[in-house]
Amino acid sequence: MLSNDFLVLLVGRALGGLSTTLLFSVFETWMITEYHNRGLDNAGLGLGDIFGSMTTLSSIVAILAGVFGDSLVQYSASRTTPFLASIVCLAIASLLIWTRWVRILVFTVRWTRLIKAM
């Protein structure tokens, strides 16, 4: 454990549950909205197929993350190492999102204008 304070562990658990709930519900809502806004249902791409692929890929990533976490525990002989490694992964993901967000936003605006022009 990174902390022996029960209140810190309790708050961390509550925030972890809240963030997991938001992670799935917000992303799925965004995915459904973008799917309909871009007219992908007319293009023959099924929403069920997208979510099926997403679930499969998510499961594969979860398995690989578990194997990687177990390897870290075996290598370091500490059960906290995977949690510390997750901080590094979070920092890298945040950096990638921060640097690419503008490009994604510009692409979305251009795509929307193109669709409206048709």
C-alpha atoms as a PDB file:
ATOM      1  CA  MET A   1       0.000   0.000   0.000  1.00  0.00           C
ATOM      2  CA  LEU A   2       1.129   3.514  -0.715  1.00  0.00           C
ATOM      3  CA  SER A   3      -0.702   4.755   2.369  1.00  0.00           C
ATOM      4  CA  ASN A   4      -1.599   3.201   5.694  1.00  0.00           C
ATOM      5  CA  ASP A   5      -4.292   5.781   6.405  1.00  0.00           C
ATOM      6  CA  PHE A   6      -7.721   4.150   6.118  1.00  0.00           C
ATOM      7  CA  LEU A   7      -9.442   7.428   5.157  1.00  0.00           C
ATOM      8  CA  VAL A   8      -7.007   7.969   2.263  1.00  0.00           C
ATOM      9  CA  LEU A   9      -7.632   4.412   1.050  1.00  0.00           C
ATOM     10  CA  LEU A  10     -11.396   4.864   1.356  1.00  0.00           C
ATOM     11  CA  VAL A  11     -11.381   8.153  -0.587  1.00  0.00           C
ATOM     12  CA  GLY A  12      -9.123   6.589  -3.225  1.00  0.00           C
ATOM     13  CA  ARG A  13     -11.505   3.670  -3.620  1.00  0.00           C
ATOM     14  CA  ALA A  14     -14.514   5.984  -3.971  1.00  0.00           C
ATOM     15  CA  LEU A  15     -12.742   8.190  -6.525  1.00  0.00           C
ATOM     16  CA  GLY A  16     -11.611   5.095  -8.433  1.00  0.00           C
ATOM     17  CA  GLY A  17     -15.201   3.855  -8.695  1.00  0.00           C
ATOM     18  CA  LEU A  18     -16.443   7.266  -9.784  1.00  0.00           C
ATOM     19  CA  SER A  19     -13.744   7.659 -12.411  1.00  0.00           C
ATOM     20  CA  THR A  20     -14.379   4.175 -13.810  1.00  0.00           C
ATOM     21  CA  THR A  21     -18.088   4.897 -14.118  1.00  0.00           C
ATOM     22  CA  LEU A  22     -17.420   8.192 -15.869  1.00  0.00           C
ATOM     23  CA  LEU A  23     -14.800   6.633 -18.137  1.00  0.00           C
ATOM     24  CA  PHE A  24     -17.223   4.129 -19.594  1.00  0.00           C
ATOM     25  CA  SER A  25     -20.433   6.167 -19.665  1.00  0.00           C
ATOM     26  CA  VAL A  26     -18.921   9.362 -21.082  1.00  0.00           C
ATOM     27  CA  PHE A  27     -16.972   7.564 -23.789  1.00  0.00           C
ATOM     28  CA  GLU A  28     -19.923   5.449 -24.870  1.00  0.00           C
ATOM     29  CA  THR A  29     -22.200   8.489 -24.985  1.00  0.00           C
ATOM     30  CA  TRP A  30     -19.644  10.359 -27.098  1.00  0.00           C
ATOM     31  CA  MET A  31     -19.242   7.342 -29.393  1.00  0.00           C
ATOM     32  CA  ILE A  32     -22.983   7.027 -30.010  1.00  0.00           C
ATOM     33  CA  THR A  33     -23.346  10.772 -30.638  1.00  0.00           C
ATOM     34  CA  GLU A  34     -20.438  10.879 -33.097  1.00  0.00           C
ATOM     35  CA  TYR A  35     -21.709   7.738 -34.824  1.00  0.00           C
ATOM     36  CA  HIS A  36     -25.052   9.369 -35.548  1.00  0.00           C
ATOM     37  CA  ASN A  37     -23.616  12.847 -36.284  1.00  0.00           C
ATOM     38  CA  ARG A  38     -21.279  11.433 -38.920  1.00  0.00           C
ATOM     39  CA  GLY A  39     -23.969   9.254 -40.459  1.00  0.00           C
ATOM     40  CA  LEU A  40     -21.997   6.044 -40.077  1.00  0.00           C
ATOM     41  CA  ASP A  41     -25.201   4.031 -39.886  1.00  0.00           C
ATOM     42  CA  ASN A  42     -25.818   4.949 -43.544  1.00  0.00           C
ATOM     43  CA  ALA A  43     -22.285   3.873 -44.468  1.00  0.00           C
ATOM     44  CA  GLY A  44     -22.964   0.275 -43.455  1.00  0.00           C
ATOM     45  CA  LEU A  45     -20.870   0.393 -40.292  1.00  0.00           C
ATOM     46  CA  GLY A  46     -22.865  -1.004 -37.405  1.00  0.00           C
ATOM     47  CA  LEU A  47     -22.689   0.497 -33.931  1.00  0.00           C
ATOM     48  CA  GLY A  48     -22.749  -3.013 -32.498  1.00  0.00           C
ATOM     49  CA  ASP A  49     -19.690  -3.912 -34.568  1.00  0.00           C
ATOM     50  CA  ILE A  50     -17.822  -0.884 -33.233  1.00  0.00           C
ATOM     51  CA  PHE A  51     -18.684  -1.693 -29.628  1.00  0.00           C
ATOM     52  CA  GLY A  52     -17.867  -5.361 -30.192  1.00  0.00           C
ATOM     53  CA  SER A  53     -14.416  -4.483 -31.496  1.00  0.00           C
ATOM     54  CA  MET A  54     -13.960  -2.031 -28.647  1.00  0.00           C
ATOM     55  CA  THR A  55     -14.862  -4.676 -26.057  1.00  0.00           C
ATOM     56  CA  THR A  56     -12.528  -7.245 -27.605  1.00  0.00           C
ATOM     57  CA  LEU A  57      -9.629  -4.808 -27.779  1.00  0.00           C
ATOM     58  CA  SER A  58     -10.294  -3.624 -24.229  1.00  0.00           C
ATOM     59  CA  SER A  59     -10.222  -7.216 -22.988  1.00  0.00           C
ATOM     60  CA  ILE A  60      -6.922  -7.894 -24.740  1.00  0.00           C
ATOM     61  CA  VAL A  61      -5.388  -4.738 -23.274  1.00  0.00           C
ATOM     62  CA  ALA A  62      -6.649  -5.694 -19.789  1.00  0.00           C
ATOM     63  CA  ILE A  63      -5.051  -9.141 -20.078  1.00  0.00           C
ATOM     64  CA  LEU A  64      -1.754  -7.682 -21.271  1.00  0.00           C
ATOM     65  CA  ALA A  65      -1.822  -5.080 -18.483  1.00  0.00           C
ATOM     66  CA  GLY A  66      -2.374  -7.856 -15.939  1.00  0.00           C
ATOM     67  CA  VAL A  67       0.552  -9.863 -17.284  1.00  0.00           C
ATOM     68  CA  PHE A  68       2.721  -6.736 -17.298  1.00  0.00           C
ATOM     69  CA  GLY A  69       1.668  -5.871 -13.727  1.00  0.00           C
ATOM     70  CA  ASP A  70       2.439  -9.397 -12.556  1.00  0.00           C
ATOM     71  CA  SER A  71       5.843  -9.208 -14.225  1.00  0.00           C
ATOM     72  CA  LEU A  72       6.542  -5.960 -12.393  1.00  0.00           C
ATOM     73  CA  VAL A  73       5.596  -7.566  -9.073  1.00  0.00           C
ATOM     74  CA  GLN A  74       7.834 -10.570  -9.765  1.00  0.00           C
ATOM     75  CA  TYR A  75      10.737  -8.344 -10.814  1.00  0.00           C
ATOM     76  CA  SER A  76      10.520  -5.832  -7.970  1.00  0.00           C
ATOM     77  CA  ALA A  77       9.091  -8.086  -5.230  1.00  0.00           C
ATOM     78  CA  SER A  78       6.691  -5.271  -4.335  1.00  0.00           C
ATOM     79  CA  ARG A  79       2.957  -5.208  -4.870  1.00  0.00           C
ATOM     80  CA  THR A  80       2.917  -1.416  -5.198  1.00  0.00           C
ATOM     81  CA  THR A  81       5.068  -1.328  -8.339  1.00  0.00           C
ATOM     82  CA  PRO A  82       2.158  -1.778 -10.811  1.00  0.00           C
ATOM     83  CA  PHE A  83       0.367   1.176  -9.201  1.00  0.00           C
ATOM     84  CA  LEU A  84       3.481   3.323  -9.483  1.00  0.00           C
ATOM     85  CA  ALA A  85       3.868   2.216 -13.109  1.00  0.00           C
ATOM     86  CA  SER A  86       0.268   3.263 -13.741  1.00  0.00           C
ATOM     87  CA  ILE A  87       1.233   6.819 -12.786  1.00  0.00           C
ATOM     88  CA  VAL A  88       3.866   6.757 -15.535  1.00  0.00           C
ATOM     89  CA  CYS A  89       1.306   5.390 -18.021  1.00  0.00           C
ATOM     90  CA  LEU A  90      -1.149   8.110 -16.995  1.00  0.00           C
ATOM     91  CA  ALA A  91       1.475  10.807 -17.522  1.00  0.00           C
ATOM     92  CA  ILE A  92       2.362   9.474 -20.986  1.00  0.00           C
ATOM     93  CA  ALA A  93      -1.306   9.170 -21.992  1.00  0.00           C
ATOM     94  CA  SER A  94      -2.016  12.689 -20.719  1.00  0.00           C
ATOM     95  CA  LEU A  95       0.894  14.068 -22.723  1.00  0.00           C
ATOM     96  CA  LEU A  96      -0.260  12.293 -25.891  1.00  0.00           C
ATOM     97  CA  ILE A  97      -3.843  13.489 -25.447  1.00  0.00           C
ATOM     98  CA  TRP A  98      -2.740  17.047 -24.687  1.00  0.00           C
ATOM     99  CA  THR A  99      -0.501  17.272 -27.762  1.00  0.00           C
ATOM    100  CA  ARG A 100      -2.957  15.629 -30.167  1.00  0.00           C
ATOM    101  CA  TRP A 101      -6.224  17.118 -28.914  1.00  0.00           C
ATOM    102  CA  VAL A 102      -5.921  20.254 -31.043  1.00  0.00           C
ATOM    103  CA  ARG A 103      -5.368  18.213 -34.198  1.00  0.00           C
ATOM    104  CA  ILE A 104      -8.384  16.035 -33.422  1.00  0.00           C
ATOM    105  CA  LEU A 105     -10.511  19.096 -32.732  1.00  0.00           C
ATOM    106  CA  VAL A 106      -9.437  20.764 -35.992  1.00  0.00           C
ATOM    107  CA  PHE A 107     -10.170  17.550 -37.928  1.00  0.00           C
ATOM    108  CA  THR A 108     -13.610  17.299 -36.338  1.00  0.00           C
ATOM    109  CA  VAL A 109     -14.465  20.901 -37.206  1.00  0.00           C
ATOM    110  CA  ARG A 110     -13.306  20.416 -40.805  1.00  0.00           C
ATOM    111  CA  TRP A 111     -15.215  17.118 -41.098  1.00  0.00           C
ATOM    112  CA  THR A 112     -18.381  18.743 -39.753  1.00  0.00           C
ATOM    113  CA  ARG A 113     -18.092  21.641 -42.198  1.00  0.00           C
ATOM    114  CA  LEU A 114     -17.542  19.209 -45.071  1.00  0.00           C
ATOM    115  CA  ILE A 115     -20.618  17.177 -44.155  1.00  0.00           C
ATOM    116  CA  LYS A 116     -22.742  20.314 -43.840  1.00  0.00           C
ATOM    117  CA  ALA A 117     -21.513  21.544 -47.232  1.00  0.00           C
ATOM    118  CA  MET A 118     -22.767  18.361 -48.915  1.00  0.00           C
END
